[in-house]
PDB file of N, CA and C in Angstrom:
ATOM      1  N   MET A   1     137.306  -5.168   2.278  1.00  0.00           N
ATOM      2  CA  MET A   1     135.998  -5.651   1.987  1.00  0.00           C
ATOM      3  C   MET A   1     135.918  -6.269   0.671  1.00  0.00           C
ATOM      4  N   LEU A   2     135.037  -7.268   0.612  1.00  0.00           N
ATOM      5  CA  LEU A   2     135.119  -8.203  -0.739  1.00  0.00           C
ATOM      6  C   LEU A   2     133.366  -8.174  -1.074  1.00  0.00           C
ATOM      7  N   GLU A   3     133.137  -7.975  -2.203  1.00  0.00           N
ATOM      8  CA  GLU A   3     131.610  -8.219  -2.768  1.00  0.00           C
ATOM      9  C   GLU A   3     131.692  -9.241  -3.903  1.00  0.00           C
ATOM     10  N   LEU A   4     130.772 -10.015  -3.834  1.00  0.00           N
ATOM     11  CA  LEU A   4     130.488 -10.954  -5.215  1.00  0.00           C
ATOM     12  C   LEU A   4     129.613  -9.984  -6.182  1.00  0.00           C
ATOM     13  N   ILE A   5     130.223 -10.128  -7.365  1.00  0.00           N
ATOM     14  CA  ILE A   5     129.449  -9.410  -8.586  1.00  0.00           C
ATOM     15  C   ILE A   5     128.831 -10.383  -9.423  1.00  0.00           C
ATOM     16  N   HIS A   6     127.582 -10.132  -9.944  1.00  0.00           N
ATOM     17  CA  HIS A   6     126.797 -10.944 -10.536  1.00  0.00           C
ATOM     18  C   HIS A   6     127.339 -10.866 -12.053  1.00  0.00           C
ATOM     19  N   ILE A   7     127.527 -11.796 -12.672  1.00  0.00           N
ATOM     20  CA  ILE A   7     128.201 -11.717 -14.156  1.00  0.00           C
ATOM     21  C   ILE A   7     127.482 -13.325 -14.714  1.00  0.00           C
ATOM     22  N   ASP A   8     127.012 -12.900 -16.028  1.00  0.00           N
ATOM     23  CA  ASP A   8     126.222 -14.049 -16.777  1.00  0.00           C
ATOM     24  C   ASP A   8     126.915 -15.055 -17.450  1.00  0.00           C
ATOM     25  N   ILE A   9     128.181 -15.500 -16.677  1.00  0.00           N
ATOM     26  CA  ILE A   9     128.978 -16.431 -17.612  1.00  0.00           C
ATOM     27  C   ILE A   9     129.031 -17.686 -16.330  1.00  0.00           C
ATOM     28  N   ASP A  10     128.249 -18.769 -16.769  1.00  0.00           N
ATOM     29  CA  ASP A  10     128.047 -19.821 -15.852  1.00  0.00           C
ATOM     30  C   ASP A  10     129.098 -20.223 -14.915  1.00  0.00           C
ATOM     31  N   ASN A  11     130.368 -20.497 -15.534  1.00  0.00           N
ATOM     32  CA  ASN A  11     131.514 -21.166 -14.473  1.00  0.00           C
ATOM     33  C   ASN A  11     132.470 -19.993 -13.948  1.00  0.00           C
ATOM     34  N   THR A  12     131.887 -18.664 -13.928  1.00  0.00           N
ATOM     35  CA  THR A  12     132.830 -17.481 -13.408  1.00  0.00           C
ATOM     36  C   THR A  12     132.348 -17.323 -11.805  1.00  0.00           C
ATOM     37  N   VAL A  13     133.294 -16.982 -11.258  1.00  0.00           N
ATOM     38  CA  VAL A  13     133.434 -16.194  -9.936  1.00  0.00           C
ATOM     39  C   VAL A  13     133.961 -14.795 -10.028  1.00  0.00           C
ATOM     40  N   ALA A  14     133.041 -13.685  -9.860  1.00  0.00           N
ATOM     41  CA  ALA A  14     133.284 -12.520  -9.841  1.00  0.00           C
ATOM     42  C   ALA A  14     133.191 -11.942  -8.755  1.00  0.00           C
ATOM     43  N   PHE A  15     134.248 -10.944  -8.373  1.00  0.00           N
ATOM     44  CA  PHE A  15     134.182 -10.271  -7.154  1.00  0.00           C
ATOM     45  C   PHE A  15     135.141  -8.994  -7.286  1.00  0.00           C
ATOM     46  N   CYS A  16     134.588  -7.809  -6.348  1.00  0.00           N
ATOM     47  CA  CYS A  16     135.240  -6.580  -6.364  1.00  0.00           C
ATOM     48  C   CYS A  16     136.092  -6.595  -4.809  1.00  0.00           C
ATOM     49  N   VAL A  17     137.104  -5.963  -4.971  1.00  0.00           N
ATOM     50  CA  VAL A  17     137.821  -5.822  -3.619  1.00  0.00           C
ATOM     51  C   VAL A  17     138.119  -4.338  -3.371  1.00  0.00           C
ATOM     52  N   SER A  18     137.656  -4.000  -1.971  1.00  0.00           N
ATOM     53  CA  SER A  18     137.881  -2.686  -1.888  1.00  0.00           C
ATOM     54  C   SER A  18     138.240  -2.612  -0.271  1.00  0.00           C
ATOM     55  N   TRP A  19     139.412  -2.089   0.157  1.00  0.00           N
ATOM     56  CA  TRP A  19     140.024  -1.857   1.277  1.00  0.00           C
ATOM     57  C   TRP A  19     140.553  -3.062   1.662  1.00  0.00           C
ATOM     58  N   LYS A  20     140.529  -4.015   2.694  1.00  0.00           N
ATOM     59  CA  LYS A  20     141.228  -4.998   3.231  1.00  0.00           C
ATOM     60  C   LYS A  20     140.366  -6.338   3.102  1.00  0.00           C
ATOM     61  N   VAL A  21     141.200  -7.386   2.564  1.00  0.00           N
ATOM     62  CA  VAL A  21     140.652  -8.681   2.318  1.00  0.00           C
ATOM     63  C   VAL A  21     140.767  -9.322   3.595  1.00  0.00           C
ATOM     64  N   THR A  22     139.782 -10.074   4.117  1.00  0.00           N
ATOM     65  CA  THR A  22     139.640 -10.751   5.341  1.00  0.00           C
ATOM     66  C   THR A  22     139.438 -12.419   5.027  1.00  0.00           C
ATOM     67  N   GLU A  23     139.678 -13.207   6.200  1.00  0.00           N
ATOM     68  CA  GLU A  23     139.727 -14.453   6.085  1.00  0.00           C
ATOM     69  C   GLU A  23     137.872 -14.934   5.713  1.00  0.00           C
ATOM     70  N   ASP A  24     137.106 -14.057   6.239  1.00  0.00           N
ATOM     71  CA  ASP A  24     135.707 -14.276   5.749  1.00  0.00           C
ATOM     72  C   ASP A  24     135.348 -14.073   4.332  1.00  0.00           C
ATOM     73  N   ASP A  25     135.940 -12.832   4.038  1.00  0.00           N
ATOM     74  CA  ASP A  25     135.793 -12.570   2.415  1.00  0.00           C
ATOM     75  C   ASP A  25     136.514 -13.351   1.491  1.00  0.00           C
ATOM     76  N   MET A  26     137.644 -14.206   1.839  1.00  0.00           N
ATOM     77  CA  MET A  26     138.105 -15.113   1.101  1.00  0.00           C
ATOM     78  C   MET A  26     137.298 -16.517   1.187  1.00  0.00           C
ATOM     79  N   SER A  27     136.782 -16.842   2.141  1.00  0.00           N
ATOM     80  CA  SER A  27     135.813 -18.018   2.626  1.00  0.00           C
ATOM     81  C   SER A  27     134.773 -17.930   1.715  1.00  0.00           C
ATOM     82  N   LEU A  28     134.180 -16.651   1.496  1.00  0.00           N
ATOM     83  CA  LEU A  28     132.871 -16.427   0.660  1.00  0.00           C
ATOM     84  C   LEU A  28     133.201 -16.737  -1.107  1.00  0.00           C
ATOM     85  N   VAL A  29     134.563 -16.177  -1.536  1.00  0.00           N
ATOM     86  CA  VAL A  29     134.986 -16.266  -2.811  1.00  0.00           C
ATOM     87  C   VAL A  29     135.250 -17.758  -2.978  1.00  0.00           C
ATOM     88  N   LEU A  30     135.947 -18.521  -2.259  1.00  0.00           N
ATOM     89  CA  LEU A  30     136.548 -19.838  -2.549  1.00  0.00           C
ATOM     90  C   LEU A  30     135.209 -20.711  -2.183  1.00  0.00           C
ATOM     91  N   GLY A  31     134.337 -20.631  -1.271  1.00  0.00           N
ATOM     92  CA  GLY A  31     133.068 -21.392  -1.527  1.00  0.00           C
ATOM     93  C   GLY A  31     132.363 -21.265  -2.644  1.00  0.00           C
ATOM     94  N   ARG A  32     132.268 -20.256  -3.164  1.00  0.00           N
ATOM     95  CA  ARG A  32     131.584 -20.166  -4.566  1.00  0.00           C
ATOM     96  C   ARG A  32     132.349 -20.536  -5.673  1.00  0.00           C
ATOM     97  N   ALA A  33     133.692 -20.654  -5.725  1.00  0.00           N
ATOM     98  CA  ALA A  33     134.483 -21.038  -6.640  1.00  0.00           C
ATOM     99  C   ALA A  33     134.605 -22.661  -6.492  1.00  0.00           C
ATOM    100  N   SER A  34     134.430 -23.219  -5.493  1.00  0.00           N
ATOM    101  CA  SER A  34     134.141 -24.726  -5.275  1.00  0.00           C
ATOM    102  C   SER A  34     132.996 -25.342  -5.778  1.00  0.00           C
ATOM    103  N   GLY A  35     131.985 -24.395  -5.579  1.00  0.00           N
ATOM    104  CA  GLY A  35     130.764 -24.706  -6.046  1.00  0.00           C
ATOM    105  C   GLY A  35     130.741 -24.701  -7.725  1.00  0.00           C
ATOM    106  N   LYS A  36     131.347 -23.701  -8.080  1.00  0.00           N
ATOM    107  CA  LYS A  36     131.646 -23.756  -9.551  1.00  0.00           C
ATOM    108  C   LYS A  36     132.217 -25.107 -10.056  1.00  0.00           C
ATOM    109  N   LEU A  37     133.483 -25.628  -9.157  1.00  0.00           N
ATOM    110  CA  LEU A  37     134.040 -26.632  -9.996  1.00  0.00           C
ATOM    111  C   LEU A  37     133.153 -28.043  -9.783  1.00  0.00           C
ATOM    112  N   ASP A  38     132.246 -28.072  -8.836  1.00  0.00           N
ATOM    113  CA  ASP A  38     131.516 -29.122  -8.641  1.00  0.00           C
ATOM    114  C   ASP A  38     130.427 -29.053  -9.811  1.00  0.00           C
ATOM    115  N   GLN A  39     130.040 -28.199 -10.334  1.00  0.00           N
ATOM    116  CA  GLN A  39     129.251 -27.988 -11.655  1.00  0.00           C
ATOM    117  C   GLN A  39     129.977 -27.991 -12.937  1.00  0.00           C
ATOM    118  N   TYR A  40     131.309 -27.448 -13.117  1.00  0.00           N
ATOM    119  CA  TYR A  40     131.811 -27.477 -14.369  1.00  0.00           C
ATOM    120  C   TYR A  40     133.282 -27.827 -14.349  1.00  0.00           C
ATOM    121  N   SER A  41     133.930 -28.366 -15.287  1.00  0.00           N
ATOM    122  CA  SER A  41     135.131 -28.996 -15.094  1.00  0.00           C
ATOM    123  C   SER A  41     136.273 -27.751 -15.089  1.00  0.00           C
ATOM    124  N   GLU A  42     135.869 -26.575 -15.526  1.00  0.00           N
ATOM    125  CA  GLU A  42     136.804 -25.452 -15.592  1.00  0.00           C
ATOM    126  C   GLU A  42     136.112 -24.283 -15.029  1.00  0.00           C
ATOM    127  N   SER A  43     136.781 -23.484 -14.183  1.00  0.00           N
ATOM    128  CA  SER A  43     136.291 -22.228 -13.627  1.00  0.00           C
ATOM    129  C   SER A  43     137.127 -21.097 -14.035  1.00  0.00           C
ATOM    130  N   VAL A  44     136.575 -19.792 -14.082  1.00  0.00           N
ATOM    131  CA  VAL A  44     137.085 -18.618 -14.295  1.00  0.00           C
ATOM    132  C   VAL A  44     136.876 -17.608 -13.082  1.00  0.00           C
ATOM    133  N   LEU A  45     138.122 -16.920 -13.004  1.00  0.00           N
ATOM    134  CA  LEU A  45     137.982 -16.042 -11.740  1.00  0.00           C
ATOM    135  C   LEU A  45     138.236 -14.593 -12.192  1.00  0.00           C
ATOM    136  N   PHE A  46     137.268 -13.531 -11.937  1.00  0.00           N
ATOM    137  CA  PHE A  46     137.460 -12.361 -12.351  1.00  0.00           C
ATOM    138  C   PHE A  46     137.163 -11.357 -11.147  1.00  0.00           C
ATOM    139  N   GLU A  47     138.213 -10.635 -10.871  1.00  0.00           N
ATOM    140  CA  GLU A  47     138.477  -9.857  -9.741  1.00  0.00           C
ATOM    141  C   GLU A  47     138.732  -8.196 -10.267  1.00  0.00           C
ATOM    142  N   GLN A  48     138.046  -7.579  -9.650  1.00  0.00           N
ATOM    143  CA  GLN A  48     138.225  -5.986  -9.976  1.00  0.00           C
ATOM    144  C   GLN A  48     138.462  -5.419  -8.360  1.00  0.00           C
ATOM    145  N   ILE A  49     139.749  -4.837  -8.693  1.00  0.00           N
ATOM    146  CA  ILE A  49     140.404  -4.189  -7.503  1.00  0.00           C
ATOM    147  C   ILE A  49     140.056  -2.697  -7.430  1.00  0.00           C
ATOM    148  N   ASP A  50     139.066  -2.240  -6.644  1.00  0.00           N
ATOM    149  CA  ASP A  50     138.970  -0.828  -6.493  1.00  0.00           C
ATOM    150  C   ASP A  50     140.095  -0.065  -5.769  1.00  0.00           C
ATOM    151  N   SER A  51     140.411  -0.753  -4.346  1.00  0.00           N
ATOM    152  CA  SER A  51     141.509  -0.426  -3.662  1.00  0.00           C
ATOM    153  C   SER A  51     141.781  -1.719  -2.850  1.00  0.00           C
ATOM    154  N   ILE A  52     143.011  -1.792  -2.388  1.00  0.00           N
ATOM    155  CA  ILE A  52     143.255  -2.618  -1.261  1.00  0.00           C
ATOM    156  C   ILE A  52     144.377  -2.111  -0.162  1.00  0.00           C
ATOM    157  N   ASP A  53     144.062  -2.233   1.093  1.00  0.00           N
ATOM    158  CA  ASP A  53     144.863  -1.830   1.902  1.00  0.00           C
ATOM    159  C   ASP A  53     145.654  -2.858   2.913  1.00  0.00           C
ATOM    160  N   GLY A  54     145.538  -4.261   2.285  1.00  0.00           N
ATOM    161  CA  GLY A  54     146.279  -5.135   3.020  1.00  0.00           C
ATOM    162  C   GLY A  54     145.482  -6.626   2.968  1.00  0.00           C
ATOM    163  N   VAL A  55     145.934  -7.573   3.220  1.00  0.00           N
ATOM    164  CA  VAL A  55     145.310  -8.962   3.179  1.00  0.00           C
ATOM    165  C   VAL A  55     145.907  -9.690   4.515  1.00  0.00           C
ATOM    166  N   GLU A  56     144.887 -10.329   5.325  1.00  0.00           N
ATOM    167  CA  GLU A  56     145.186 -11.302   6.194  1.00  0.00           C
ATOM    168  C   GLU A  56     146.227 -12.360   6.142  1.00  0.00           C
ATOM    169  N   VAL A  57     147.067 -12.718   6.733  1.00  0.00           N
ATOM    170  CA  VAL A  57     147.927 -14.048   6.315  1.00  0.00           C
ATOM    171  C   VAL A  57     147.024 -15.042   6.188  1.00  0.00           C
ATOM    172  N   THR A  58     146.015 -15.293   6.957  1.00  0.00           N
ATOM    173  CA  THR A  58     145.102 -16.439   6.856  1.00  0.00           C
ATOM    174  C   THR A  58     144.395 -16.646   5.343  1.00  0.00           C
ATOM    175  N   VAL A  59     144.274 -15.495   4.779  1.00  0.00           N
ATOM    176  CA  VAL A  59     143.882 -15.262   3.401  1.00  0.00           C
ATOM    177  C   VAL A  59     144.727 -15.965   2.321  1.00  0.00           C
ATOM    178  N   ILE A  60     146.000 -15.890   2.582  1.00  0.00           N
ATOM    179  CA  ILE A  60     147.123 -16.431   1.750  1.00  0.00           C
ATOM    180  C   ILE A  60     146.914 -17.938   1.839  1.00  0.00           C
ATOM    181  N   ILE A  61     146.877 -18.425   3.239  1.00  0.00           N
ATOM    182  CA  ILE A  61     147.025 -19.667   3.263  1.00  0.00           C
ATOM    183  C   ILE A  61     145.530 -20.548   2.548  1.00  0.00           C
ATOM    184  N   LYS A  62     144.386 -19.833   2.914  1.00  0.00           N
ATOM    185  CA  LYS A  62     143.068 -20.480   2.338  1.00  0.00           C
ATOM    186  C   LYS A  62     143.367 -20.321   0.726  1.00  0.00           C
ATOM    187  N   ALA A  63     143.758 -19.453   0.071  1.00  0.00           N
ATOM    188  CA  ALA A  63     144.252 -19.396  -1.147  1.00  0.00           C
ATOM    189  C   ALA A  63     144.977 -20.412  -1.758  1.00  0.00           C
ATOM    190  N   PHE A  64     146.146 -20.718  -1.112  1.00  0.00           N
ATOM    191  CA  PHE A  64     146.919 -21.946  -1.660  1.00  0.00           C
ATOM    192  C   PHE A  64     146.325 -23.212  -1.357  1.00  0.00           C
ATOM    193  N   LYS A  65     145.356 -23.558  -0.388  1.00  0.00           N
ATOM    194  CA  LYS A  65     144.843 -24.669   0.045  1.00  0.00           C
ATOM    195  C   LYS A  65     144.000 -24.734  -1.060  1.00  0.00           C
ATOM    196  N   TYR A  66     143.081 -23.787  -1.531  1.00  0.00           N
ATOM    197  CA  TYR A  66     142.165 -23.810  -2.713  1.00  0.00           C
ATOM    198  C   TYR A  66     142.852 -24.377  -3.802  1.00  0.00           C
ATOM    199  N   LEU A  67     143.958 -23.859  -4.033  1.00  0.00           N
ATOM    200  CA  LEU A  67     144.820 -23.854  -5.343  1.00  0.00           C
ATOM    201  C   LEU A  67     145.186 -25.510  -5.407  1.00  0.00           C
ATOM    202  N   PHE A  68     145.569 -26.059  -4.191  1.00  0.00           N
ATOM    203  CA  PHE A  68     145.843 -27.214  -4.099  1.00  0.00           C
ATOM    204  C   PHE A  68     144.802 -28.253  -4.317  1.00  0.00           C
ATOM    205  N   TYR A  69     143.261 -27.807  -3.956  1.00  0.00           N
ATOM    206  CA  TYR A  69     142.261 -28.530  -3.920  1.00  0.00           C
ATOM    207  C   TYR A  69     141.857 -28.643  -5.382  1.00  0.00           C
ATOM    208  N   ALA A  70     141.593 -27.371  -6.008  1.00  0.00           N
ATOM    209  CA  ALA A  70     141.084 -27.197  -7.243  1.00  0.00           C
ATOM    210  C   ALA A  70     142.060 -27.656  -8.401  1.00  0.00           C
ATOM    211  N   GLY A  71     143.433 -27.564  -8.275  1.00  0.00           N
ATOM    212  CA  GLY A  71     144.482 -27.667  -9.098  1.00  0.00           C
ATOM    213  C   GLY A  71     144.486 -26.474 -10.103  1.00  0.00           C
ATOM    214  N   LEU A  72     145.625 -26.191 -10.590  1.00  0.00           N
ATOM    215  CA  LEU A  72     145.622 -24.829 -11.496  1.00  0.00           C
ATOM    216  C   LEU A  72     145.279 -25.597 -12.898  1.00  0.00           C
ATOM    217  N   LEU A  73     145.193 -26.612 -13.423  1.00  0.00           N
ATOM    218  CA  LEU A  73     144.412 -26.903 -14.597  1.00  0.00           C
ATOM    219  C   LEU A  73     143.096 -26.759 -14.628  1.00  0.00           C
ATOM    220  N   ASN A  74     142.334 -26.670 -13.477  1.00  0.00           N
ATOM    221  CA  ASN A  74     140.892 -26.432 -13.518  1.00  0.00           C
ATOM    222  C   ASN A  74     140.678 -24.931 -13.374  1.00  0.00           C
ATOM    223  N   ILE A  75     141.457 -24.224 -13.425  1.00  0.00           N
ATOM    224  CA  ILE A  75     141.328 -22.500 -13.430  1.00  0.00           C
ATOM    225  C   ILE A  75     141.546 -22.290 -14.926  1.00  0.00           C
ATOM    226  N   LYS A  76     140.791 -21.926 -15.824  1.00  0.00           N
ATOM    227  CA  LYS A  76     140.721 -21.863 -17.264  1.00  0.00           C
ATOM    228  C   LYS A  76     141.470 -20.547 -17.192  1.00  0.00           C
ATOM    229  N   LYS A  77     140.852 -19.146 -16.482  1.00  0.00           N
ATOM    230  CA  LYS A  77     141.277 -17.873 -16.880  1.00  0.00           C
ATOM    231  C   LYS A  77     141.124 -17.329 -15.488  1.00  0.00           C
ATOM    232  N   VAL A  78     142.232 -16.208 -15.352  1.00  0.00           N
ATOM    233  CA  VAL A  78     142.018 -15.411 -14.385  1.00  0.00           C
ATOM    234  C   VAL A  78     141.975 -14.048 -14.973  1.00  0.00           C
ATOM    235  N   ALA A  79     141.005 -12.960 -14.498  1.00  0.00           N
ATOM    236  CA  ALA A  79     141.319 -11.775 -14.835  1.00  0.00           C
ATOM    237  C   ALA A  79     141.263 -10.853 -13.682  1.00  0.00           C
ATOM    238  N   VAL A  80     142.103  -9.638 -13.864  1.00  0.00           N
ATOM    239  CA  VAL A  80     142.173  -8.772 -12.817  1.00  0.00           C
ATOM    240  C   VAL A  80     141.946  -7.260 -13.479  1.00  0.00           C
ATOM    241  N   LEU A  81     141.072  -6.580 -12.881  1.00  0.00           N
ATOM    242  CA  LEU A  81     140.674  -5.436 -13.301  1.00  0.00           C
ATOM    243  C   LEU A  81     141.028  -4.280 -12.386  1.00  0.00           C
ATOM    244  N   THR A  82     141.955  -3.308 -12.757  1.00  0.00           N
ATOM    245  CA  THR A  82     142.179  -2.364 -11.709  1.00  0.00           C
ATOM    246  C   THR A  82     142.724  -1.121 -12.619  1.00  0.00           C
ATOM    247  N   ASP A  83     142.894  -0.027 -11.811  1.00  0.00           N
ATOM    248  CA  ASP A  83     143.704   1.191 -12.274  1.00  0.00           C
ATOM    249  C   ASP A  83     145.192   1.264 -11.821  1.00  0.00           C
ATOM    250  N   LYS A  84     145.785   2.329 -12.160  1.00  0.00           N
ATOM    251  CA  LYS A  84     147.110   2.450 -11.749  1.00  0.00           C
ATOM    252  C   LYS A  84     147.139   2.432 -10.031  1.00  0.00           C
ATOM    253  N   LYS A  85     146.283   3.232  -9.546  1.00  0.00           N
ATOM    254  CA  LYS A  85     146.265   3.196  -8.240  1.00  0.00           C
ATOM    255  C   LYS A  85     146.120   1.582  -7.446  1.00  0.00           C
ATOM    256  N   GLY A  86     145.331   1.048  -8.254  1.00  0.00           N
ATOM    257  CA  GLY A  86     145.319  -0.410  -7.527  1.00  0.00           C
ATOM    258  C   GLY A  86     146.397  -1.093  -7.890  1.00  0.00           C
ATOM    259  N   ILE A  87     147.345  -1.079  -8.730  1.00  0.00           N
ATOM    260  CA  ILE A  87     148.521  -1.718  -9.199  1.00  0.00           C
ATOM    261  C   ILE A  87     149.580  -1.200  -8.155  1.00  0.00           C
ATOM    262  N   GLU A  88     149.711   0.130  -7.959  1.00  0.00           N
ATOM    263  CA  GLU A  88     150.436   0.631  -6.980  1.00  0.00           C
ATOM    264  C   GLU A  88     150.408  -0.045  -5.703  1.00  0.00           C
ATOM    265  N   SER A  89     149.191  -0.140  -5.086  1.00  0.00           N
ATOM    266  CA  SER A  89     148.782  -0.566  -3.792  1.00  0.00           C
ATOM    267  C   SER A  89     148.940  -2.239  -3.532  1.00  0.00           C
ATOM    268  N   VAL A  90     149.190  -2.939  -4.739  1.00  0.00           N
ATOM    269  CA  VAL A  90     149.487  -4.446  -4.959  1.00  0.00           C
ATOM    270  C   VAL A  90     150.965  -4.588  -4.652  1.00  0.00           C
ATOM    271  N   ALA A  91     151.777  -3.548  -5.504  1.00  0.00           N
ATOM    272  CA  ALA A  91     153.178  -3.800  -5.748  1.00  0.00           C
ATOM    273  C   ALA A  91     153.999  -3.354  -4.548  1.00  0.00           C
TER     274      ALA A  91
END
């Protein structure tokens, strides 16, 4: 499950991951990120990982397509907030 987080930084997309990330979840985030790129020359991504139990393969494909569209130079910063449990679940 993925939820958008309100943050008072205009060019930032913030979201929280808990459990499994689906294609619909990623579509929500990437749609918001694309909108930010339409408004600003650079965007910032903030991800809070509470827990993660898997990622659908289509999510990875969507993420690569977005990086191709956006270009790495347009993503100014990426911040990931998690704890030891979150790091272990990703590793």
